[in-house]
Amino acid sequence: MRLASTARHLLDAGATRAEAYATLARRTHEPLRSARAVREALDIPAAEATIRLNDCYGALLANLRPGAEADTGELLEALGVFDVPKQLDARELAVIDLFLTAIDAMGGIRAGHQHGLGRWFVTGNLTTAYLSFVAAQPVPCTGDPVQYWTTLVQAGELLLATPRPDTRIKYALTQCRTNATRATSATPAS
């Protein structure tokens, strides 16, 4: 509990999550305990954090080299170990369902993009996820461009229906509508 209080103090004082971890790990020489303390300070549910920490324990925390605390903290942060999950409402869950449909229609996704999407879904950063889909393209041989773009139109309309939508969504939605029209026109009639 005392270590979590120290982590909370470091975060309140402006330290990043990676910096808080590195400070604790340097002081305690206990990387796993330090990561758990940052988790507790951020109020990340223990069960979820345990899964995240187990996924990277062997590679990052089992045998931490002295002097590598800052690098390890950066990696833990980049992997999403310290991401605070957001309680999503029904509209946000519907948007994520549409994003999952878009992933299928994409016909293949880069691992880095998929990792970023997973983090944005957990943290509720759906605008960034949407913009990443708009910047991507369905794979020519395996993707379904009509389904991809029409699904993103639906997702954009839901995102635009929020009380104060990000202005970038309006422009991205226009692009999706244009791409959906082009994809539909390019598809031969059966």
Protein backbone atom coordinates (compact mmCIF):
# COMPACT_ATOMS: atom_id res chain seq x y z
CA MET A 1 0.00 0.00 0.00
CA ARG A 2 2.85 2.38 0.83
CA LEU A 3 4.46 1.83 -2.58
CA ALA A 4 1.16 2.58 -4.33
CA SER A 5 0.93 5.83 -2.35
CA THR A 6 4.40 6.76 -3.54
CA ALA A 7 3.36 5.96 -7.13
CA ARG A 8 0.24 8.11 -6.72
CA HIS A 9 2.36 10.97 -5.37
CA LEU A 10 4.78 10.70 -8.32
CA LEU A 11 1.89 10.73 -10.81
CA ASP A 12 0.23 13.68 -9.05
CA ALA A 13 3.56 15.53 -9.20
CA GLY A 14 3.58 15.19 -13.00
CA ALA A 15 5.60 12.03 -13.59
CA THR A 16 4.51 9.92 -16.52
CA ARG A 17 3.46 6.37 -15.82
CA ALA A 18 6.79 5.15 -17.20
CA GLU A 19 8.72 7.60 -15.01
CA ALA A 20 6.76 6.59 -11.89
CA TYR A 21 7.51 2.93 -12.62
CA ALA A 22 11.21 3.63 -13.22
CA THR A 23 11.55 5.60 -9.99
CA LEU A 24 9.93 2.83 -7.96
CA ALA A 25 11.87 0.05 -9.67
CA ARG A 26 15.18 1.87 -9.05
CA ARG A 27 14.30 2.31 -5.37
CA THR A 28 12.94 -1.16 -4.66
CA HIS A 29 14.78 -3.35 -7.20
CA GLU A 30 11.42 -5.14 -7.50
CA PRO A 31 10.09 -4.58 -11.01
CA LEU A 32 6.85 -6.54 -10.69
CA ARG A 33 5.95 -4.97 -7.35
CA SER A 34 6.72 -1.52 -8.81
CA ALA A 35 4.50 -2.13 -11.83
CA ARG A 36 1.70 -3.32 -9.54
CA ALA A 37 2.06 -0.16 -7.45
CA VAL A 38 1.63 2.06 -10.52
CA ARG A 39 -1.37 -0.06 -11.50
CA GLU A 40 -2.90 0.44 -8.07
CA ALA A 41 -2.22 4.19 -8.16
CA LEU A 42 -4.07 4.40 -11.48
CA ASP A 43 -7.01 2.34 -10.14
CA ILE A 44 -6.67 -0.24 -12.91
CA PRO A 45 -8.60 -3.36 -11.88
CA ALA A 46 -6.23 -5.94 -10.44
CA ALA A 47 -7.51 -8.82 -12.60
CA GLU A 48 -6.96 -6.88 -15.82
CA ALA A 49 -3.53 -5.67 -14.72
CA THR A 50 -2.50 -9.21 -13.77
CA ILE A 51 -3.27 -10.40 -17.30
CA ARG A 52 -1.29 -7.50 -18.79
CA LEU A 53 1.67 -8.05 -16.48
CA ASN A 54 1.68 -11.82 -17.04
CA ASP A 55 1.88 -11.18 -20.80
CA CYS A 56 5.14 -9.28 -20.45
CA TYR A 57 6.60 -10.64 -17.21
CA GLY A 58 9.16 -13.01 -18.71
CA ALA A 59 10.44 -10.54 -21.30
CA LEU A 60 10.50 -7.36 -19.21
CA LEU A 61 10.16 -7.91 -15.49
CA ALA A 62 11.65 -11.28 -14.57
CA ASN A 63 15.30 -10.23 -14.83
CA LEU A 64 15.44 -6.45 -14.93
CA ARG A 65 18.97 -5.21 -15.47
CA PRO A 66 20.10 -2.32 -13.26
CA GLY A 67 19.88 0.90 -15.24
CA ALA A 68 17.14 -0.43 -17.54
CA GLU A 69 14.25 0.80 -15.40
CA ALA A 70 13.43 3.81 -17.61
CA ASP A 71 13.46 1.74 -20.80
CA THR A 72 11.31 -0.94 -19.16
CA GLY A 73 8.84 1.71 -17.97
CA GLU A 74 8.59 3.09 -21.51
CA LEU A 75 7.97 -0.39 -22.89
CA LEU A 76 5.33 -1.15 -20.25
CA GLU A 77 3.58 2.10 -21.11
CA ALA A 78 3.81 1.46 -24.87
CA LEU A 79 2.40 -2.03 -24.42
CA GLY A 80 -0.62 -0.59 -22.63
CA VAL A 81 0.13 -2.12 -19.23
CA PHE A 82 -0.75 1.19 -17.57
CA ASP A 83 -3.78 2.04 -19.75
CA VAL A 84 -6.77 2.96 -17.60
CA PRO A 85 -9.90 1.22 -18.94
CA LYS A 86 -12.93 3.36 -19.61
CA GLN A 87 -16.48 2.25 -18.88
CA LEU A 88 -18.02 2.30 -22.33
CA ASP A 89 -21.65 3.15 -22.92
CA ALA A 90 -23.95 1.34 -25.36
CA ARG A 91 -23.15 3.73 -28.23
CA GLU A 92 -19.41 3.29 -27.74
CA LEU A 93 -19.78 -0.49 -27.65
CA ALA A 94 -21.80 -0.32 -30.88
CA VAL A 95 -19.00 1.72 -32.49
CA ILE A 96 -16.45 -0.91 -31.41
CA ASP A 97 -18.65 -3.65 -32.91
CA LEU A 98 -18.63 -1.72 -36.19
CA PHE A 99 -14.84 -1.37 -35.94
CA LEU A 100 -14.53 -5.14 -35.52
CA THR A 101 -16.65 -5.59 -38.66
CA ALA A 102 -14.35 -3.14 -40.45
CA ILE A 103 -11.31 -5.14 -39.35
CA ASP A 104 -12.84 -8.25 -40.93
CA ALA A 105 -13.68 -6.33 -44.10
CA MET A 106 -10.15 -4.94 -44.21
CA GLY A 107 -8.89 -8.39 -45.19
CA GLY A 108 -5.79 -8.19 -43.00
CA ILE A 109 -4.36 -5.77 -40.47
CA ARG A 110 -0.83 -4.81 -39.46
CA ALA A 111 0.13 -5.96 -35.97
CA GLY A 112 1.00 -2.44 -34.84
CA HIS A 113 -2.36 -1.11 -36.01
CA GLN A 114 -4.15 -3.94 -34.25
CA HIS A 115 -2.22 -3.25 -31.03
CA GLY A 116 -3.09 0.45 -31.21
CA LEU A 117 -6.76 -0.35 -31.81
CA GLY A 118 -6.83 -2.63 -28.78
CA ARG A 119 -5.42 0.15 -26.60
CA TRP A 120 -7.84 2.74 -28.00
CA PHE A 121 -10.79 0.41 -27.42
CA VAL A 122 -9.76 -0.13 -23.79
CA THR A 123 -9.26 3.58 -23.11
CA GLY A 124 -12.31 4.68 -25.08
CA ASN A 125 -10.27 6.71 -27.56
CA LEU A 126 -12.65 5.91 -30.40
CA THR A 127 -11.96 9.06 -32.41
CA THR A 128 -8.31 8.10 -32.84
CA ALA A 129 -9.34 4.55 -33.72
CA TYR A 130 -11.80 5.87 -36.32
CA LEU A 131 -9.24 8.17 -37.90
CA SER A 132 -6.77 5.28 -38.10
CA PHE A 133 -9.33 3.22 -40.03
CA VAL A 134 -10.01 6.10 -42.40
CA ALA A 135 -6.28 6.43 -43.09
CA ALA A 136 -6.02 2.69 -43.80
CA GLN A 137 -7.29 0.82 -46.84
CA PRO A 138 -8.80 -2.62 -47.32
CA VAL A 139 -6.30 -5.17 -48.66
CA PRO A 140 -6.88 -5.37 -52.45
CA CYS A 141 -7.01 -9.18 -52.79
CA THR A 142 -8.65 -10.17 -49.50
CA GLY A 143 -10.62 -7.13 -48.32
CA ASP A 144 -14.21 -6.10 -48.97
CA PRO A 145 -14.04 -2.36 -49.76
CA VAL A 146 -17.83 -1.90 -49.92
CA GLN A 147 -18.36 -3.41 -46.48
CA TYR A 148 -15.29 -1.65 -45.07
CA TRP A 149 -16.32 1.86 -46.11
CA THR A 150 -20.06 1.47 -45.44
CA THR A 151 -19.26 0.13 -41.96
CA LEU A 152 -17.02 3.14 -41.33
CA VAL A 153 -19.84 5.43 -42.49
CA GLN A 154 -22.10 3.88 -39.84
CA ALA A 155 -19.39 4.20 -37.17
CA GLY A 156 -18.74 7.82 -38.13
CA GLU A 157 -22.42 8.67 -37.89
CA LEU A 158 -22.54 7.23 -34.37
CA LEU A 159 -19.40 9.13 -33.36
CA LEU A 160 -20.80 12.33 -34.84
CA ALA A 161 -23.99 11.92 -32.76
CA THR A 162 -22.16 12.64 -29.50
CA PRO A 163 -22.79 15.95 -27.69
CA ARG A 164 -19.45 17.53 -28.70
CA PRO A 165 -17.93 15.45 -31.49
CA ASP A 166 -14.36 15.98 -32.61
CA THR A 167 -14.45 18.14 -35.76
CA ARG A 168 -12.12 15.71 -37.56
CA ILE A 169 -14.88 13.09 -37.55
CA LYS A 170 -17.06 15.18 -39.87
CA TYR A 171 -14.30 15.37 -42.49
CA ALA A 172 -13.35 11.72 -42.08
CA LEU A 173 -17.01 10.70 -42.45
CA THR A 174 -17.23 12.66 -45.70
CA GLN A 175 -14.17 10.78 -46.96
CA CYS A 176 -15.73 7.44 -45.94
CA ARG A 177 -18.96 8.28 -47.79
CA THR A 178 -16.97 9.16 -50.91
CA ASN A 179 -14.95 5.94 -50.67
CA ALA A 180 -18.11 3.88 -50.08
CA THR A 181 -19.71 5.37 -53.20
CA ARG A 182 -16.58 4.66 -55.25
CA ALA A 183 -16.33 1.10 -53.93
CA THR A 184 -19.99 0.42 -54.66
CA SER A 185 -19.65 1.83 -58.19
CA ALA A 186 -16.55 -0.27 -58.83
CA THR A 187 -18.25 -3.51 -57.75
CA PRO A 188 -19.75 -5.41 -60.71
CA ALA A 189 -23.45 -6.23 -60.40
CA SER A 190 -24.24 -9.90 -59.84
